[in-house]
Amino acid sequence: MKKYLLLVEDEKIWEKFKEIINKDINTEILELIKKKVNLNGRGEKK
């Protein structure tokens, strides 16, 4: 397993994100990445 560091420059957006997530931060970010990768069902950009 590789580990990555996430740098968020906009603290206001980061605080809002932390307030609205339902799971832990890692799980939420991973779900966002999976959604982005599967945009067209094949992982291709529009």
PDB file of N, CA and C in Angstrom:
ATOM      1  N   MET A   1       0.846  -1.171   0.000  1.00  0.00           N
ATOM      2  CA  MET A   1       0.000   0.000   0.000  1.00  0.00           C
ATOM      3  C   MET A   1       0.896   1.240   0.000  1.00  0.00           C
ATOM      4  N   LYS A   2       0.584   2.169  -0.896  1.00  0.00           N
ATOM      5  CA  LYS A   2       1.306   3.433  -0.941  1.00  0.00           C
ATOM      6  C   LYS A   2       0.516   4.471  -0.160  1.00  0.00           C
ATOM      7  N   LYS A   3       1.220   5.411   0.415  1.00  0.00           N
ATOM      8  CA  LYS A   3       0.579   6.489   1.159  1.00  0.00           C
ATOM      9  C   LYS A   3       0.857   7.800   0.443  1.00  0.00           C
ATOM     10  N   TYR A   4      -0.142   8.667   0.427  1.00  0.00           N
ATOM     11  CA  TYR A   4      -0.021   9.955  -0.240  1.00  0.00           C
ATOM     12  C   TYR A   4      -0.405  11.064   0.723  1.00  0.00           C
ATOM     13  N   LEU A   5       0.196  12.200   0.529  1.00  0.00           N
ATOM     14  CA  LEU A   5      -0.091  13.372   1.343  1.00  0.00           C
ATOM     15  C   LEU A   5      -0.981  14.314   0.539  1.00  0.00           C
ATOM     16  N   LEU A   6      -2.045  14.767   1.139  1.00  0.00           N
ATOM     17  CA  LEU A   6      -2.970  15.687   0.476  1.00  0.00           C
ATOM     18  C   LEU A   6      -2.759  17.087   1.043  1.00  0.00           C
ATOM     19  N   LEU A   7      -2.462  18.034   0.160  1.00  0.00           N
ATOM     20  CA  LEU A   7      -2.318  19.423   0.573  1.00  0.00           C
ATOM     21  C   LEU A   7      -3.533  20.195   0.082  1.00  0.00           C
ATOM     22  N   VAL A   8      -4.256  20.796   1.006  1.00  0.00           N
ATOM     23  CA  VAL A   8      -5.441  21.570   0.657  1.00  0.00           C
ATOM     24  C   VAL A   8      -5.134  23.031   0.962  1.00  0.00           C
ATOM     25  N   GLU A   9      -5.146  23.846  -0.081  1.00  0.00           N
ATOM     26  CA  GLU A   9      -4.769  25.248   0.085  1.00  0.00           C
ATOM     27  C   GLU A   9      -5.915  26.125   0.568  1.00  0.00           C
ATOM     28  N   ASP A  10      -7.142  25.715   0.324  1.00  0.00           N
ATOM     29  CA  ASP A  10      -8.304  26.516   0.714  1.00  0.00           C
ATOM     30  C   ASP A  10      -8.886  25.951   2.013  1.00  0.00           C
ATOM     31  N   GLU A  11      -8.555  26.586   3.115  1.00  0.00           N
ATOM     32  CA  GLU A  11      -8.972  26.078   4.422  1.00  0.00           C
ATOM     33  C   GLU A  11     -10.482  26.130   4.626  1.00  0.00           C
ATOM     34  N   LYS A  12     -11.149  27.119   4.039  1.00  0.00           N
ATOM     35  CA  LYS A  12     -12.604  27.220   4.186  1.00  0.00           C
ATOM     36  C   LYS A  12     -13.298  26.040   3.514  1.00  0.00           C
ATOM     37  N   ILE A  13     -12.864  25.694   2.313  1.00  0.00           N
ATOM     38  CA  ILE A  13     -13.452  24.545   1.615  1.00  0.00           C
ATOM     39  C   ILE A  13     -13.154  23.264   2.377  1.00  0.00           C
ATOM     40  N   TRP A  14     -11.946  23.134   2.898  1.00  0.00           N
ATOM     41  CA  TRP A  14     -11.572  21.936   3.650  1.00  0.00           C
ATOM     42  C   TRP A  14     -12.458  21.780   4.885  1.00  0.00           C
ATOM     43  N   GLU A  15     -12.710  22.866   5.607  1.00  0.00           N
ATOM     44  CA  GLU A  15     -13.562  22.812   6.793  1.00  0.00           C
ATOM     45  C   GLU A  15     -14.987  22.399   6.424  1.00  0.00           C
ATOM     46  N   LYS A  16     -15.517  22.940   5.315  1.00  0.00           N
ATOM     47  CA  LYS A  16     -16.859  22.556   4.865  1.00  0.00           C
ATOM     48  C   LYS A  16     -16.903  21.080   4.504  1.00  0.00           C
ATOM     49  N   PHE A  17     -15.860  20.597   3.827  1.00  0.00           N
ATOM     50  CA  PHE A  17     -15.787  19.185   3.448  1.00  0.00           C
ATOM     51  C   PHE A  17     -15.819  18.299   4.695  1.00  0.00           C
ATOM     52  N   LYS A  18     -15.025  18.656   5.693  1.00  0.00           N
ATOM     53  CA  LYS A  18     -14.981  17.853   6.918  1.00  0.00           C
ATOM     54  C   LYS A  18     -16.326  17.844   7.639  1.00  0.00           C
ATOM     55  N   GLU A  19     -17.081  18.923   7.540  1.00  0.00           N
ATOM     56  CA  GLU A  19     -18.392  19.001   8.194  1.00  0.00           C
ATOM     57  C   GLU A  19     -19.438  18.120   7.524  1.00  0.00           C
ATOM     58  N   ILE A  20     -19.348  17.943   6.207  1.00  0.00           N
ATOM     59  CA  ILE A  20     -20.405  17.229   5.483  1.00  0.00           C
ATOM     60  C   ILE A  20     -20.121  15.748   5.233  1.00  0.00           C
ATOM     61  N   ILE A  21     -18.899  15.292   5.517  1.00  0.00           N
ATOM     62  CA  ILE A  21     -18.609  13.883   5.245  1.00  0.00           C
ATOM     63  C   ILE A  21     -19.288  12.978   6.267  1.00  0.00           C
ATOM     64  N   ASN A  22     -19.638  11.776   5.805  1.00  0.00           N
ATOM     65  CA  ASN A  22     -20.313  10.809   6.670  1.00  0.00           C
ATOM     66  C   ASN A  22     -19.358   9.763   7.226  1.00  0.00           C
ATOM     67  N   LYS A  23     -18.249   9.547   6.537  1.00  0.00           N
ATOM     68  CA  LYS A  23     -17.284   8.520   6.932  1.00  0.00           C
ATOM     69  C   LYS A  23     -15.970   9.204   7.273  1.00  0.00           C
ATOM     70  N   ASP A  24     -14.924   8.413   7.444  1.00  0.00           N
ATOM     71  CA  ASP A  24     -13.626   9.018   7.714  1.00  0.00           C
ATOM     72  C   ASP A  24     -13.104   9.706   6.446  1.00  0.00           C
ATOM     73  N   ILE A  25     -12.187  10.607   6.606  1.00  0.00           N
ATOM     74  CA  ILE A  25     -11.688  11.424   5.502  1.00  0.00           C
ATOM     75  C   ILE A  25     -11.095  10.565   4.395  1.00  0.00           C
ATOM     76  N   ASN A  26     -10.302   9.557   4.731  1.00  0.00           N
ATOM     77  CA  ASN A  26      -9.679   8.703   3.716  1.00  0.00           C
ATOM     78  C   ASN A  26     -10.719   8.013   2.851  1.00  0.00           C
ATOM     79  N   THR A  27     -11.759   7.471   3.464  1.00  0.00           N
ATOM     80  CA  THR A  27     -12.812   6.776   2.721  1.00  0.00           C
ATOM     81  C   THR A  27     -13.541   7.742   1.799  1.00  0.00           C
ATOM     82  N   GLU A  28     -13.862   8.916   2.279  1.00  0.00           N
ATOM     83  CA  GLU A  28     -14.569   9.909   1.472  1.00  0.00           C
ATOM     84  C   GLU A  28     -13.735  10.339   0.264  1.00  0.00           C
ATOM     85  N   ILE A  29     -12.452  10.591   0.470  1.00  0.00           N
ATOM     86  CA  ILE A  29     -11.584  11.007  -0.633  1.00  0.00           C
ATOM     87  C   ILE A  29     -11.429   9.876  -1.639  1.00  0.00           C
ATOM     88  N   LEU A  30     -11.289   8.652  -1.170  1.00  0.00           N
ATOM     89  CA  LEU A  30     -11.177   7.506  -2.071  1.00  0.00           C
ATOM     90  C   LEU A  30     -12.439   7.348  -2.912  1.00  0.00           C
ATOM     91  N   GLU A  31     -13.608   7.561  -2.328  1.00  0.00           N
ATOM     92  CA  GLU A  31     -14.864   7.483  -3.080  1.00  0.00           C
ATOM     93  C   GLU A  31     -14.933   8.576  -4.145  1.00  0.00           C
ATOM     94  N   LEU A  32     -14.460   9.774  -3.831  1.00  0.00           N
ATOM     95  CA  LEU A  32     -14.427  10.848  -4.823  1.00  0.00           C
ATOM     96  C   LEU A  32     -13.499  10.498  -5.983  1.00  0.00           C
ATOM     97  N   ILE A  33     -12.354   9.903  -5.676  1.00  0.00           N
ATOM     98  CA  ILE A  33     -11.409   9.489  -6.718  1.00  0.00           C
ATOM     99  C   ILE A  33     -12.027   8.413  -7.597  1.00  0.00           C
ATOM    100  N   LYS A  34     -12.686   7.433  -6.991  1.00  0.00           N
ATOM    101  CA  LYS A  34     -13.318   6.359  -7.763  1.00  0.00           C
ATOM    102  C   LYS A  34     -14.385   6.910  -8.692  1.00  0.00           C
ATOM    103  N   LYS A  35     -15.182   7.868  -8.218  1.00  0.00           N
ATOM    104  CA  LYS A  35     -16.212   8.478  -9.061  1.00  0.00           C
ATOM    105  C   LYS A  35     -15.579   9.200 -10.246  1.00  0.00           C
ATOM    106  N   LYS A  36     -14.504   9.899 -10.007  1.00  0.00           N
ATOM    107  CA  LYS A  36     -13.829  10.648 -11.070  1.00  0.00           C
ATOM    108  C   LYS A  36     -13.225   9.702 -12.106  1.00  0.00           C
ATOM    109  N   VAL A  37     -12.657   8.604 -11.667  1.00  0.00           N
ATOM    110  CA  VAL A  37     -12.034   7.632 -12.564  1.00  0.00           C
ATOM    111  C   VAL A  37     -13.077   6.943 -13.428  1.00  0.00           C
ATOM    112  N   ASN A  38     -14.260   6.734 -12.906  1.00  0.00           N
ATOM    113  CA  ASN A  38     -15.312   6.018 -13.621  1.00  0.00           C
ATOM    114  C   ASN A  38     -16.318   6.949 -14.287  1.00  0.00           C
ATOM    115  N   LEU A  39     -15.888   8.102 -14.756  1.00  0.00           N
ATOM    116  CA  LEU A  39     -16.798   9.086 -15.350  1.00  0.00           C
ATOM    117  C   LEU A  39     -17.701   8.495 -16.419  1.00  0.00           C
ATOM    118  N   ASN A  40     -17.120   7.818 -17.386  1.00  0.00           N
ATOM    119  CA  ASN A  40     -17.892   7.264 -18.490  1.00  0.00           C
ATOM    120  C   ASN A  40     -17.979   5.746 -18.409  1.00  0.00           C
ATOM    121  N   GLY A  41     -17.733   5.187 -17.249  1.00  0.00           N
ATOM    122  CA  GLY A  41     -17.779   3.739 -17.101  1.00  0.00           C
ATOM    123  C   GLY A  41     -16.508   3.055 -17.563  1.00  0.00           C
ATOM    124  N   ARG A  42     -15.629   3.797 -18.220  1.00  0.00           N
ATOM    125  CA  ARG A  42     -14.381   3.224 -18.713  1.00  0.00           C
ATOM    126  C   ARG A  42     -13.180   3.984 -18.183  1.00  0.00           C
ATOM    127  N   GLY A  43     -13.421   4.953 -17.324  1.00  0.00           N
ATOM    128  CA  GLY A  43     -12.325   5.723 -16.766  1.00  0.00           C
ATOM    129  C   GLY A  43     -11.764   6.763 -17.718  1.00  0.00           C
ATOM    130  N   GLU A  44     -12.496   7.078 -18.779  1.00  0.00           N
ATOM    131  CA  GLU A  44     -12.029   8.057 -19.751  1.00  0.00           C
ATOM    132  C   GLU A  44     -12.619   9.425 -19.447  1.00  0.00           C
ATOM    133  N   LYS A  45     -11.885  10.445 -19.814  1.00  0.00           N
ATOM    134  CA  LYS A  45     -12.395  11.804 -19.658  1.00  0.00           C
ATOM    135  C   LYS A  45     -13.417  12.083 -20.734  1.00  0.00           C
ATOM    136  N   LYS A  46     -14.315  13.011 -20.441  1.00  0.00           N
ATOM    137  CA  LYS A  46     -15.336  13.413 -21.422  1.00  0.00           C
ATOM    138  C   LYS A  46     -14.706  14.189 -22.553  1.00  0.00           C
TER     139      LYS A  46
END
